[in-house]
Amino acid sequence: MEQWGKGTSLLQFPENYTVVDVETTGLEPFYDEIIEVACIKYRDGSEVARFESLVQPKPFITKPGNVQYVSDFIISLTGITNEMLTLAPAFDVIANDLYSFLENEIIVGHNVNFDINFLLNKFRYDYNLPFQNDFVDTLRLSRRILPELPHHTLVDMAEHFGIPAPHHRALGDCVATNEILGKLKEIVKNNNIDMEQLAKKKSVDLRNIHCDGSQIDQNNFFFGKNCVFTGTLEKFTRTDAAQIVVNIGGFCENNVTKNTNFLIVGGLNANTVAEGKSNKVIKAEKLKAKGQDIQVISEETFYSIIENFIE
């Protein structure tokens, strides 16, 4: 199997592109699945085509009269219910049409690495197809163009620009993302911002971050959640990683329990998912199968979640 990587992250405003958003059962592409995908194609700033579909994932509870595809948390977050997914097509049914719709397109999204990671994982491992589209992240653009804002989530940016708030449904998030892209483009044009100079701004070295516990981010996934670490992290000591979670407003535990919401696995990749699972991972999977709101996520996904906090 070819091991294709991602395309290039672009800090620009393309004329022709496709906005993409996916809703999922969780945060980790190797463990979780897509439950909705939406794409809106633009040419010279005008919409020319749409692709939208719910997607039926594998059920995580299958008992007589009780088939569950999504947790109560995901239902409350997205409004996508088990009943809605019962009649939805599996990803296999939409895969060819979706791949054709996105082929050779510049992808635009807010925190788009999340969406691309899920699509890349599906196309690469399930269909042996490359998904190396270049992409524009409106989250990254927002941070560079409006660094004075405390947070840059999709909801924060919609509120800042007076755009109707999105509600964690794929198509609505696409519409909001495109409007944010347009607003950011206006700021750059009206203020004669040099995008080349903006692109030269150096990113923060995670190893040099020292959190003081003064910032609480209620929009972050870890806020109010119980987290456990297992395995060796590459960029932090476990103590420093736990400190960041606490500073955001989360909690850390030593072991997986009935209260755990996130298990962060150092060095997690496709091989370690399939082989050599730790006792904590095995316990977390058993609790999830029983309906607990617990997610097993990789170190890479952990960094993508805290990225908004540390920048």
C-alpha atoms as a PDB file:
ATOM      1  CA  MET A   1       0.000   0.000   0.000  1.00  0.00           C
ATOM      2  CA  GLU A   2       1.294   3.468  -0.886  1.00  0.00           C
ATOM      3  CA  GLN A   3       1.844   5.757   2.125  1.00  0.00           C
ATOM      4  CA  TRP A   4       0.641   9.077   0.738  1.00  0.00           C
ATOM      5  CA  GLY A   5       0.819  12.101   3.000  1.00  0.00           C
ATOM      6  CA  LYS A   6      -1.133  15.334   3.051  1.00  0.00           C
ATOM      7  CA  GLY A   7      -0.930  18.144   0.571  1.00  0.00           C
ATOM      8  CA  THR A   8       0.520  21.585   1.324  1.00  0.00           C
ATOM      9  CA  SER A   9      -0.991  24.051   3.781  1.00  0.00           C
ATOM     10  CA  LEU A  10      -1.500  27.328   1.900  1.00  0.00           C
ATOM     11  CA  LEU A  11      -1.698  30.764   3.491  1.00  0.00           C
ATOM     12  CA  GLN A  12      -3.655  32.432   0.693  1.00  0.00           C
ATOM     13  CA  PHE A  13      -7.108  33.141  -0.713  1.00  0.00           C
ATOM     14  CA  PRO A  14      -7.741  30.918  -3.755  1.00  0.00           C
ATOM     15  CA  GLU A  15     -10.335  31.834  -6.361  1.00  0.00           C
ATOM     16  CA  ASN A  16     -11.332  28.225  -7.010  1.00  0.00           C
ATOM     17  CA  TYR A  17     -11.737  25.843  -4.072  1.00  0.00           C
ATOM     18  CA  THR A  18     -14.045  23.501  -2.189  1.00  0.00           C
ATOM     19  CA  VAL A  19     -15.062  24.038   1.435  1.00  0.00           C
ATOM     20  CA  VAL A  20     -15.221  20.777   3.385  1.00  0.00           C
ATOM     21  CA  ASP A  21     -16.532  19.784   6.790  1.00  0.00           C
ATOM     22  CA  VAL A  22     -17.080  16.395   8.417  1.00  0.00           C
ATOM     23  CA  GLU A  23     -18.884  15.389  11.596  1.00  0.00           C
ATOM     24  CA  THR A  24     -17.529  12.310  13.326  1.00  0.00           C
ATOM     25  CA  THR A  25     -18.095   9.906  16.215  1.00  0.00           C
ATOM     26  CA  GLY A  26     -14.971  11.264  17.918  1.00  0.00           C
ATOM     27  CA  LEU A  27     -11.604  12.883  17.397  1.00  0.00           C
ATOM     28  CA  GLU A  28      -9.294  10.060  16.339  1.00  0.00           C
ATOM     29  CA  PRO A  29      -9.306   8.917  12.685  1.00  0.00           C
ATOM     30  CA  PHE A  30      -7.950   5.449  13.529  1.00  0.00           C
ATOM     31  CA  TYR A  31     -10.720   4.794  16.065  1.00  0.00           C
ATOM     32  CA  ASP A  32     -13.638   6.997  15.085  1.00  0.00           C
ATOM     33  CA  GLU A  33     -15.743   7.360  11.965  1.00  0.00           C
ATOM     34  CA  ILE A  34     -17.352   9.979   9.763  1.00  0.00           C
ATOM     35  CA  ILE A  35     -21.099  10.422  10.299  1.00  0.00           C
ATOM     36  CA  GLU A  36     -21.671  13.381   7.975  1.00  0.00           C
ATOM     37  CA  VAL A  37     -19.779  15.071   5.179  1.00  0.00           C
ATOM     38  CA  ALA A  38     -20.524  18.250   3.263  1.00  0.00           C
ATOM     39  CA  CYS A  39     -18.630  20.023   0.486  1.00  0.00           C
ATOM     40  CA  ILE A  40     -19.400  23.263  -1.364  1.00  0.00           C
ATOM     41  CA  LYS A  41     -17.471  23.997  -4.557  1.00  0.00           C
ATOM     42  CA  TYR A  42     -16.700  27.611  -5.514  1.00  0.00           C
ATOM     43  CA  ARG A  43     -15.489  29.121  -8.751  1.00  0.00           C
ATOM     44  CA  ASP A  44     -14.442  32.802  -8.759  1.00  0.00           C
ATOM     45  CA  GLY A  45     -16.250  33.265  -5.462  1.00  0.00           C
ATOM     46  CA  SER A  46     -19.554  31.761  -6.596  1.00  0.00           C
ATOM     47  CA  GLU A  47     -21.013  28.434  -5.524  1.00  0.00           C
ATOM     48  CA  VAL A  48     -21.248  25.947  -8.369  1.00  0.00           C
ATOM     49  CA  ALA A  49     -21.940  22.581  -6.702  1.00  0.00           C
ATOM     50  CA  ARG A  50     -22.652  20.833  -3.402  1.00  0.00           C
ATOM     51  CA  PHE A  51     -22.128  17.380  -1.971  1.00  0.00           C
ATOM     52  CA  GLU A  52     -23.840  16.429   1.286  1.00  0.00           C
ATOM     53  CA  SER A  53     -24.582  13.135   3.004  1.00  0.00           C
ATOM     54  CA  LEU A  54     -25.037  11.508   6.363  1.00  0.00           C
ATOM     55  CA  VAL A  55     -22.806   8.451   6.726  1.00  0.00           C
ATOM     56  CA  GLN A  56     -23.649   5.322   8.677  1.00  0.00           C
ATOM     57  CA  PRO A  57     -20.697   4.231  10.853  1.00  0.00           C
ATOM     58  CA  LYS A  58     -20.177   0.844  12.424  1.00  0.00           C
ATOM     59  CA  PRO A  59     -22.408   0.534  15.523  1.00  0.00           C
ATOM     60  CA  PHE A  60     -20.623   0.443  18.865  1.00  0.00           C
ATOM     61  CA  ILE A  61     -23.550  -1.196  20.668  1.00  0.00           C
ATOM     62  CA  THR A  62     -25.565  -3.940  19.007  1.00  0.00           C
ATOM     63  CA  LYS A  63     -28.163  -5.483  21.242  1.00  0.00           C
ATOM     64  CA  PRO A  64     -31.660  -6.619  20.294  1.00  0.00           C
ATOM     65  CA  GLY A  65     -33.679  -3.451  19.936  1.00  0.00           C
ATOM     66  CA  ASN A  66     -30.678  -1.274  20.807  1.00  0.00           C
ATOM     67  CA  VAL A  67     -28.309  -0.413  17.964  1.00  0.00           C
ATOM     68  CA  GLN A  68     -26.224   2.699  18.677  1.00  0.00           C
ATOM     69  CA  TYR A  69     -23.992   4.477  16.195  1.00  0.00           C
ATOM     70  CA  VAL A  70     -23.217   7.607  18.208  1.00  0.00           C
ATOM     71  CA  SER A  71     -22.843   8.489  21.868  1.00  0.00           C
ATOM     72  CA  ASP A  72     -25.210  10.782  23.739  1.00  0.00           C
ATOM     73  CA  PHE A  73     -22.457  13.426  23.693  1.00  0.00           C
ATOM     74  CA  ILE A  74     -22.238  13.398  19.875  1.00  0.00           C
ATOM     75  CA  ILE A  75     -26.033  13.488  19.601  1.00  0.00           C
ATOM     76  CA  SER A  76     -26.192  16.552  21.858  1.00  0.00           C
ATOM     77  CA  LEU A  77     -23.293  18.196  19.984  1.00  0.00           C
ATOM     78  CA  THR A  78     -24.498  17.633  16.411  1.00  0.00           C
ATOM     79  CA  GLY A  79     -28.167  16.726  16.614  1.00  0.00           C
ATOM     80  CA  ILE A  80     -27.394  13.638  14.513  1.00  0.00           C
ATOM     81  CA  THR A  81     -29.292  10.750  16.090  1.00  0.00           C
ATOM     82  CA  ASN A  82     -29.076   6.967  15.864  1.00  0.00           C
ATOM     83  CA  GLU A  83     -32.420   6.974  14.051  1.00  0.00           C
ATOM     84  CA  MET A  84     -31.071   9.338  11.387  1.00  0.00           C
ATOM     85  CA  LEU A  85     -28.028   7.136  10.824  1.00  0.00           C
ATOM     86  CA  THR A  86     -30.076   3.951  10.558  1.00  0.00           C
ATOM     87  CA  LEU A  87     -31.141   4.938   7.039  1.00  0.00           C
ATOM     88  CA  ALA A  88     -27.888   6.664   6.048  1.00  0.00           C
ATOM     89  CA  PRO A  89     -25.532   5.137   3.448  1.00  0.00           C
ATOM     90  CA  ALA A  90     -22.235   3.606   4.536  1.00  0.00           C
ATOM     91  CA  PHE A  91     -19.069   5.410   3.436  1.00  0.00           C
ATOM     92  CA  ASP A  92     -18.537   2.740   0.772  1.00  0.00           C
ATOM     93  CA  VAL A  93     -21.689   3.925  -0.991  1.00  0.00           C
ATOM     94  CA  ILE A  94     -20.567   7.567  -1.286  1.00  0.00           C
ATOM     95  CA  ALA A  95     -16.792   7.079  -1.497  1.00  0.00           C
ATOM     96  CA  ASN A  96     -16.404   7.217  -5.287  1.00  0.00           C
ATOM     97  CA  ASP A  97     -18.677  10.231  -5.731  1.00  0.00           C
ATOM     98  CA  LEU A  98     -17.023  12.080  -2.848  1.00  0.00           C
ATOM     99  CA  TYR A  99     -13.522  11.343  -4.114  1.00  0.00           C
ATOM    100  CA  SER A 100     -14.468  12.544  -7.620  1.00  0.00           C
ATOM    101  CA  PHE A 101     -16.030  15.696  -6.181  1.00  0.00           C
ATOM    102  CA  LEU A 102     -12.835  16.546  -4.266  1.00  0.00           C
ATOM    103  CA  GLU A 103     -10.251  15.377  -6.789  1.00  0.00           C
ATOM    104  CA  ASN A 104      -7.691  18.097  -7.610  1.00  0.00           C
ATOM    105  CA  GLU A 105      -9.560  20.664  -5.505  1.00  0.00           C
ATOM    106  CA  ILE A 106      -7.934  23.069  -3.052  1.00  0.00           C
ATOM    107  CA  ILE A 107      -9.653  22.225   0.220  1.00  0.00           C
ATOM    108  CA  VAL A 108     -10.811  24.993   2.569  1.00  0.00           C
ATOM    109  CA  GLY A 109     -11.958  24.364   6.120  1.00  0.00           C
ATOM    110  CA  HIS A 110     -11.794  25.671   9.672  1.00  0.00           C
ATOM    111  CA  ASN A 111      -9.266  23.581  11.595  1.00  0.00           C
ATOM    112  CA  VAL A 112      -9.230  21.680   8.319  1.00  0.00           C
ATOM    113  CA  ASN A 113      -6.481  19.281   9.390  1.00  0.00           C
ATOM    114  CA  PHE A 114      -9.160  17.492  11.423  1.00  0.00           C
ATOM    115  CA  ASP A 115     -11.356  16.932   8.360  1.00  0.00           C
ATOM    116  CA  ILE A 116      -8.435  16.038   6.108  1.00  0.00           C
ATOM    117  CA  ASN A 117      -7.090  13.507   8.613  1.00  0.00           C
ATOM    118  CA  PHE A 118     -10.399  11.610   8.547  1.00  0.00           C
ATOM    119  CA  LEU A 119     -10.728  11.714   4.763  1.00  0.00           C
ATOM    120  CA  LEU A 120      -7.068  10.816   4.252  1.00  0.00           C
ATOM    121  CA  ASN A 121      -7.437   7.880   6.615  1.00  0.00           C
ATOM    122  CA  LYS A 122     -10.515   6.574   4.760  1.00  0.00           C
ATOM    123  CA  PHE A 123      -9.192   6.996   1.234  1.00  0.00           C
ATOM    124  CA  ARG A 124      -5.671   5.774   2.005  1.00  0.00           C
ATOM    125  CA  TYR A 125      -6.379   2.740   4.149  1.00  0.00           C
ATOM    126  CA  ASP A 126      -9.773   1.624   2.864  1.00  0.00           C
ATOM    127  CA  TYR A 127      -9.362   2.358  -0.852  1.00  0.00           C
ATOM    128  CA  ASN A 128      -5.612   2.796  -1.423  1.00  0.00           C
ATOM    129  CA  LEU A 129      -6.254   6.196  -3.000  1.00  0.00           C
ATOM    130  CA  PRO A 130      -4.089   9.311  -2.595  1.00  0.00           C
ATOM    131  CA  PHE A 131      -5.650  12.349  -0.956  1.00  0.00           C
ATOM    132  CA  GLN A 132      -2.940  14.967  -1.300  1.00  0.00           C
ATOM    133  CA  ASN A 133      -5.042  18.047  -1.972  1.00  0.00           C
ATOM    134  CA  ASP A 134      -3.458  21.350  -0.963  1.00  0.00           C
ATOM    135  CA  PHE A 135      -5.540  23.110   1.670  1.00  0.00           C
ATOM    136  CA  VAL A 136      -6.331  26.452   3.286  1.00  0.00           C
ATOM    137  CA  ASP A 137      -7.153  26.554   6.988  1.00  0.00           C
ATOM    138  CA  THR A 138      -9.318  29.528   7.971  1.00  0.00           C
ATOM    139  CA  LEU A 139      -8.323  28.873  11.594  1.00  0.00           C
ATOM    140  CA  ARG A 140      -4.677  29.448  10.677  1.00  0.00           C
ATOM    141  CA  LEU A 141      -5.608  32.523   8.610  1.00  0.00           C
ATOM    142  CA  SER A 142      -7.670  33.902  11.505  1.00  0.00           C
ATOM    143  CA  ARG A 143      -4.774  33.579  13.945  1.00  0.00           C
ATOM    144  CA  ARG A 144      -2.376  35.364  11.609  1.00  0.00           C
ATOM    145  CA  ILE A 145      -4.743  38.143  10.520  1.00  0.00           C
ATOM    146  CA  LEU A 146      -6.534  38.722  13.853  1.00  0.00           C
ATOM    147  CA  PRO A 147      -3.956  37.780  16.530  1.00  0.00           C
ATOM    148  CA  GLU A 148      -5.586  40.118  19.048  1.00  0.00           C
ATOM    149  CA  LEU A 149      -8.641  37.863  19.425  1.00  0.00           C
ATOM    150  CA  PRO A 150      -8.459  35.524  22.462  1.00  0.00           C
ATOM    151  CA  HIS A 151      -9.831  32.513  20.548  1.00  0.00           C
ATOM    152  CA  HIS A 152     -10.386  31.651  16.898  1.00  0.00           C
ATOM    153  CA  THR A 153     -12.835  28.756  16.856  1.00  0.00           C
ATOM    154  CA  LEU A 154     -15.502  28.653  14.151  1.00  0.00           C
ATOM    155  CA  VAL A 155     -18.110  29.881  16.626  1.00  0.00           C
ATOM    156  CA  ASP A 156     -15.811  32.667  17.863  1.00  0.00           C
ATOM    157  CA  MET A 157     -15.087  33.871  14.343  1.00  0.00           C
ATOM    158  CA  ALA A 158     -18.747  33.717  13.325  1.00  0.00           C
ATOM    159  CA  GLU A 159     -19.645  35.820  16.352  1.00  0.00           C
ATOM    160  CA  HIS A 160     -16.828  38.273  15.616  1.00  0.00           C
ATOM    161  CA  PHE A 161     -18.040  38.807  12.048  1.00  0.00           C
ATOM    162  CA  GLY A 162     -21.763  38.766  12.853  1.00  0.00           C
ATOM    163  CA  ILE A 163     -22.323  35.549  10.928  1.00  0.00           C
ATOM    164  CA  PRO A 164     -25.134  33.185  12.039  1.00  0.00           C
ATOM    165  CA  ALA A 165     -23.603  30.712  14.480  1.00  0.00           C
ATOM    166  CA  PRO A 166     -22.980  27.214  13.069  1.00  0.00           C
ATOM    167  CA  HIS A 167     -24.385  24.240  15.002  1.00  0.00           C
ATOM    168  CA  HIS A 168     -21.942  21.377  14.337  1.00  0.00           C
ATOM    169  CA  ARG A 169     -23.699  20.236  11.173  1.00  0.00           C
ATOM    170  CA  ALA A 170     -21.440  19.804   8.200  1.00  0.00           C
ATOM    171  CA  LEU A 171     -23.239  21.944   5.615  1.00  0.00           C
ATOM    172  CA  GLY A 172     -23.845  24.835   8.005  1.00  0.00           C
ATOM    173  CA  ASP A 173     -20.199  24.776   9.044  1.00  0.00           C
ATOM    174  CA  CYS A 174     -19.177  24.927   5.369  1.00  0.00           C
ATOM    175  CA  VAL A 175     -21.351  27.983   4.762  1.00  0.00           C
ATOM    176  CA  ALA A 176     -19.971  29.733   7.868  1.00  0.00           C
ATOM    177  CA  THR A 177     -16.389  28.857   6.918  1.00  0.00           C
ATOM    178  CA  ASN A 178     -16.783  30.358   3.456  1.00  0.00           C
ATOM    179  CA  GLU A 179     -18.220  33.567   4.894  1.00  0.00           C
ATOM    180  CA  ILE A 180     -15.302  33.794   7.328  1.00  0.00           C
ATOM    181  CA  LEU A 181     -12.884  33.272   4.442  1.00  0.00           C
ATOM    182  CA  GLY A 182     -14.510  36.195   2.622  1.00  0.00           C
ATOM    183  CA  LYS A 183     -14.366  38.456   5.697  1.00  0.00           C
ATOM    184  CA  LEU A 184     -10.689  37.678   6.245  1.00  0.00           C
ATOM    185  CA  LYS A 185      -9.977  38.412   2.589  1.00  0.00           C
ATOM    186  CA  GLU A 186     -11.665  41.827   2.967  1.00  0.00           C
ATOM    187  CA  ILE A 187      -9.489  42.657   5.996  1.00  0.00           C
ATOM    188  CA  VAL A 188      -6.339  41.759   4.076  1.00  0.00           C
ATOM    189  CA  LYS A 189      -7.399  43.852   1.086  1.00  0.00           C
ATOM    190  CA  ASN A 190      -8.588  46.879   3.090  1.00  0.00           C
ATOM    191  CA  ASN A 191      -5.453  46.963   5.240  1.00  0.00           C
ATOM    192  CA  ASN A 192      -2.941  46.140   2.507  1.00  0.00           C
ATOM    193  CA  ILE A 193      -1.654  43.160   4.494  1.00  0.00           C
ATOM    194  CA  ASP A 194       1.311  41.448   2.872  1.00  0.00           C
ATOM    195  CA  MET A 195       0.445  37.746   2.837  1.00  0.00           C
ATOM    196  CA  GLU A 196       4.038  36.781   2.092  1.00  0.00           C
ATOM    197  CA  GLN A 197       5.223  38.550   5.229  1.00  0.00           C
ATOM    198  CA  LEU A 198       2.338  37.055   7.173  1.00  0.00           C
ATOM    199  CA  ALA A 199       3.428  33.598   6.072  1.00  0.00           C
ATOM    200  CA  LYS A 200       6.929  34.162   7.451  1.00  0.00           C
ATOM    201  CA  LYS A 201       5.670  34.366  11.028  1.00  0.00           C
ATOM    202  CA  LYS A 202       7.281  31.559  12.967  1.00  0.00           C
ATOM    203  CA  SER A 203       5.075  29.065  14.761  1.00  0.00           C
ATOM    204  CA  VAL A 204       5.514  28.483  18.470  1.00  0.00           C
ATOM    205  CA  ASP A 205       7.810  25.664  19.562  1.00  0.00           C
ATOM    206  CA  LEU A 206       5.624  23.503  21.793  1.00  0.00           C
ATOM    207  CA  ARG A 207       8.650  22.450  23.840  1.00  0.00           C
ATOM    208  CA  ASN A 208       9.168  26.043  24.972  1.00  0.00           C
ATOM    209  CA  ILE A 209       5.589  26.625  26.137  1.00  0.00           C
ATOM    210  CA  HIS A 210       5.185  27.308  29.859  1.00  0.00           C
ATOM    211  CA  CYS A 211       1.540  27.619  30.908  1.00  0.00           C
ATOM    212  CA  ASP A 212       0.718  29.673  33.992  1.00  0.00           C
ATOM    213  CA  GLY A 213      -2.787  28.339  34.582  1.00  0.00           C
ATOM    214  CA  SER A 214      -4.439  31.698  33.933  1.00  0.00           C
ATOM    215  CA  GLN A 215      -6.278  30.798  30.705  1.00  0.00           C
ATOM    216  CA  ILE A 216      -9.518  28.863  30.694  1.00  0.00           C
ATOM    217  CA  ASP A 217     -10.968  27.915  27.324  1.00  0.00           C
ATOM    218  CA  GLN A 218     -14.566  26.765  27.604  1.00  0.00           C
ATOM    219  CA  ASN A 219     -14.643  26.036  23.858  1.00  0.00           C
ATOM    220  CA  ASN A 220     -11.836  23.494  24.081  1.00  0.00           C
ATOM    221  CA  PHE A 221     -12.651  19.777  23.969  1.00  0.00           C
ATOM    222  CA  PHE A 222     -10.771  19.211  27.237  1.00  0.00           C
ATOM    223  CA  PHE A 223     -12.677  21.820  29.263  1.00  0.00           C
ATOM    224  CA  GLY A 224     -14.458  20.082  32.124  1.00  0.00           C
ATOM    225  CA  LYS A 225     -13.266  16.654  30.920  1.00  0.00           C
ATOM    226  CA  ASN A 226     -11.200  13.976  32.664  1.00  0.00           C
ATOM    227  CA  CYS A 227      -8.012  13.003  30.835  1.00  0.00           C
ATOM    228  CA  VAL A 228      -5.515  10.183  31.219  1.00  0.00           C
ATOM    229  CA  PHE A 229      -2.145   9.752  29.484  1.00  0.00           C
ATOM    230  CA  THR A 230      -0.461   6.505  28.482  1.00  0.00           C
ATOM    231  CA  GLY A 231       2.734   5.831  26.563  1.00  0.00           C
ATOM    232  CA  THR A 232       5.643   8.201  25.951  1.00  0.00           C
ATOM    233  CA  LEU A 233       4.835  11.624  24.541  1.00  0.00           C
ATOM    234  CA  GLU A 234       7.293  13.038  22.022  1.00  0.00           C
ATOM    235  CA  LYS A 235       6.944  16.780  22.706  1.00  0.00           C
ATOM    236  CA  PHE A 236       6.057  17.001  26.398  1.00  0.00           C
ATOM    237  CA  THR A 237       6.666  15.237  29.625  1.00  0.00           C
ATOM    238  CA  ARG A 238       3.432  13.748  30.886  1.00  0.00           C
ATOM    239  CA  THR A 239       3.434  16.279  33.748  1.00  0.00           C
ATOM    240  CA  ASP A 240       3.702  19.256  31.375  1.00  0.00           C
ATOM    241  CA  ALA A 241       0.969  17.866  29.110  1.00  0.00           C
ATOM    242  CA  ALA A 242      -1.301  17.370  32.106  1.00  0.00           C
ATOM    243  CA  GLN A 243      -0.598  20.949  33.219  1.00  0.00           C
ATOM    244  CA  ILE A 244      -1.823  22.280  29.877  1.00  0.00           C
ATOM    245  CA  VAL A 245      -5.049  20.282  30.185  1.00  0.00           C
ATOM    246  CA  VAL A 246      -5.601  21.636  33.701  1.00  0.00           C
ATOM    247  CA  ASN A 247      -4.878  25.212  32.609  1.00  0.00           C
ATOM    248  CA  ILE A 248      -7.510  24.892  29.871  1.00  0.00           C
ATOM    249  CA  GLY A 249     -10.030  23.803  32.486  1.00  0.00           C
ATOM    250  CA  GLY A 250      -9.836  20.029  32.302  1.00  0.00           C
ATOM    251  CA  PHE A 251      -8.866  17.404  34.841  1.00  0.00           C
ATOM    252  CA  CYS A 252      -6.232  14.676  34.811  1.00  0.00           C
ATOM    253  CA  GLU A 253      -6.330  11.196  36.328  1.00  0.00           C
ATOM    254  CA  ASN A 254      -3.659   8.543  36.752  1.00  0.00           C
ATOM    255  CA  ASN A 255      -5.768   5.641  35.502  1.00  0.00           C
ATOM    256  CA  VAL A 256      -8.745   4.974  33.233  1.00  0.00           C
ATOM    257  CA  THR A 257     -11.969   4.975  35.265  1.00  0.00           C
ATOM    258  CA  LYS A 258     -15.709   5.296  34.722  1.00  0.00           C
ATOM    259  CA  ASN A 259     -15.171   9.081  34.826  1.00  0.00           C
ATOM    260  CA  THR A 260     -12.508   9.236  32.096  1.00  0.00           C
ATOM    261  CA  ASN A 261     -13.420  11.136  28.918  1.00  0.00           C
ATOM    262  CA  PHE A 262     -10.118  11.114  27.015  1.00  0.00           C
ATOM    263  CA  LEU A 263      -7.213   8.678  26.926  1.00  0.00           C
ATOM    264  CA  ILE A 264      -4.245  10.290  25.158  1.00  0.00           C
ATOM    265  CA  VAL A 265      -1.818   7.719  23.757  1.00  0.00           C
ATOM    266  CA  GLY A 266       1.772   8.745  23.161  1.00  0.00           C
ATOM    267  CA  GLY A 267       3.192   7.581  19.846  1.00  0.00           C
ATOM    268  CA  LEU A 268      -0.152   6.219  18.625  1.00  0.00           C
ATOM    269  CA  ASN A 269      -0.234   5.290  14.962  1.00  0.00           C
ATOM    270  CA  ALA A 270      -1.828   2.720  12.701  1.00  0.00           C
ATOM    271  CA  ASN A 271       0.440  -0.075  13.939  1.00  0.00           C
ATOM    272  CA  THR A 272       0.004   0.548  17.649  1.00  0.00           C
ATOM    273  CA  VAL A 273      -3.746   0.683  17.194  1.00  0.00           C
ATOM    274  CA  ALA A 274      -3.754  -2.792  15.715  1.00  0.00           C
ATOM    275  CA  GLU A 275      -1.039  -4.316  17.878  1.00  0.00           C
ATOM    276  CA  GLY A 276       0.374  -4.083  21.372  1.00  0.00           C
ATOM    277  CA  LYS A 277      -2.414  -2.119  23.027  1.00  0.00           C
ATOM    278  CA  SER A 278      -1.723  -1.008  26.587  1.00  0.00           C
ATOM    279  CA  ASN A 279      -3.956  -2.059  29.470  1.00  0.00           C
ATOM    280  CA  LYS A 280      -5.331   1.476  29.596  1.00  0.00           C
ATOM    281  CA  VAL A 281      -6.331   1.355  25.908  1.00  0.00           C
ATOM    282  CA  ILE A 282      -7.979  -2.041  26.335  1.00  0.00           C
ATOM    283  CA  LYS A 283      -9.920  -0.815  29.379  1.00  0.00           C
ATOM    284  CA  ALA A 284     -10.984   2.363  27.553  1.00  0.00           C
ATOM    285  CA  GLU A 285     -12.282   0.344  24.601  1.00  0.00           C
ATOM    286  CA  LYS A 286     -14.308  -1.867  26.916  1.00  0.00           C
ATOM    287  CA  LEU A 287     -15.826   1.161  28.656  1.00  0.00           C
ATOM    288  CA  LYS A 288     -16.663   2.769  25.305  1.00  0.00           C
ATOM    289  CA  ALA A 289     -18.368  -0.449  24.189  1.00  0.00           C
ATOM    290  CA  LYS A 290     -20.561  -0.171  27.286  1.00  0.00           C
ATOM    291  CA  GLY A 291     -21.636   3.322  26.278  1.00  0.00           C
ATOM    292  CA  GLN A 292     -19.233   5.505  28.270  1.00  0.00           C
ATOM    293  CA  ASP A 293     -18.359   8.905  26.781  1.00  0.00           C
ATOM    294  CA  ILE A 294     -14.649   8.103  26.391  1.00  0.00           C
ATOM    295  CA  GLN A 295     -12.368   8.741  23.437  1.00  0.00           C
ATOM    296  CA  VAL A 296      -8.958   7.185  22.743  1.00  0.00           C
ATOM    297  CA  ILE A 297      -6.906   9.769  20.856  1.00  0.00           C
ATOM    298  CA  SER A 298      -3.385   9.951  19.512  1.00  0.00           C
ATOM    299  CA  GLU A 299      -0.675  12.326  20.616  1.00  0.00           C
ATOM    300  CA  GLU A 300      -1.023  14.106  17.262  1.00  0.00           C
ATOM    301  CA  THR A 301      -4.738  14.652  17.827  1.00  0.00           C
ATOM    302  CA  PHE A 302      -3.978  15.900  21.357  1.00  0.00           C
ATOM    303  CA  TYR A 303      -1.676  18.578  19.919  1.00  0.00           C
ATOM    304  CA  SER A 304      -4.301  19.638  17.385  1.00  0.00           C
ATOM    305  CA  ILE A 305      -6.810  20.127  20.222  1.00  0.00           C
ATOM    306  CA  ILE A 306      -4.491  22.272  22.360  1.00  0.00           C
ATOM    307  CA  GLU A 307      -3.123  24.167  19.355  1.00  0.00           C
ATOM    308  CA  ASN A 308      -5.633  27.009  19.655  1.00  0.00           C
ATOM    309  CA  PHE A 309      -4.817  27.317  23.346  1.00  0.00           C
ATOM    310  CA  ILE A 310      -1.060  27.550  23.002  1.00  0.00           C
ATOM    311  CA  GLU A 311      -0.958  29.898  20.007  1.00  0.00           C
END
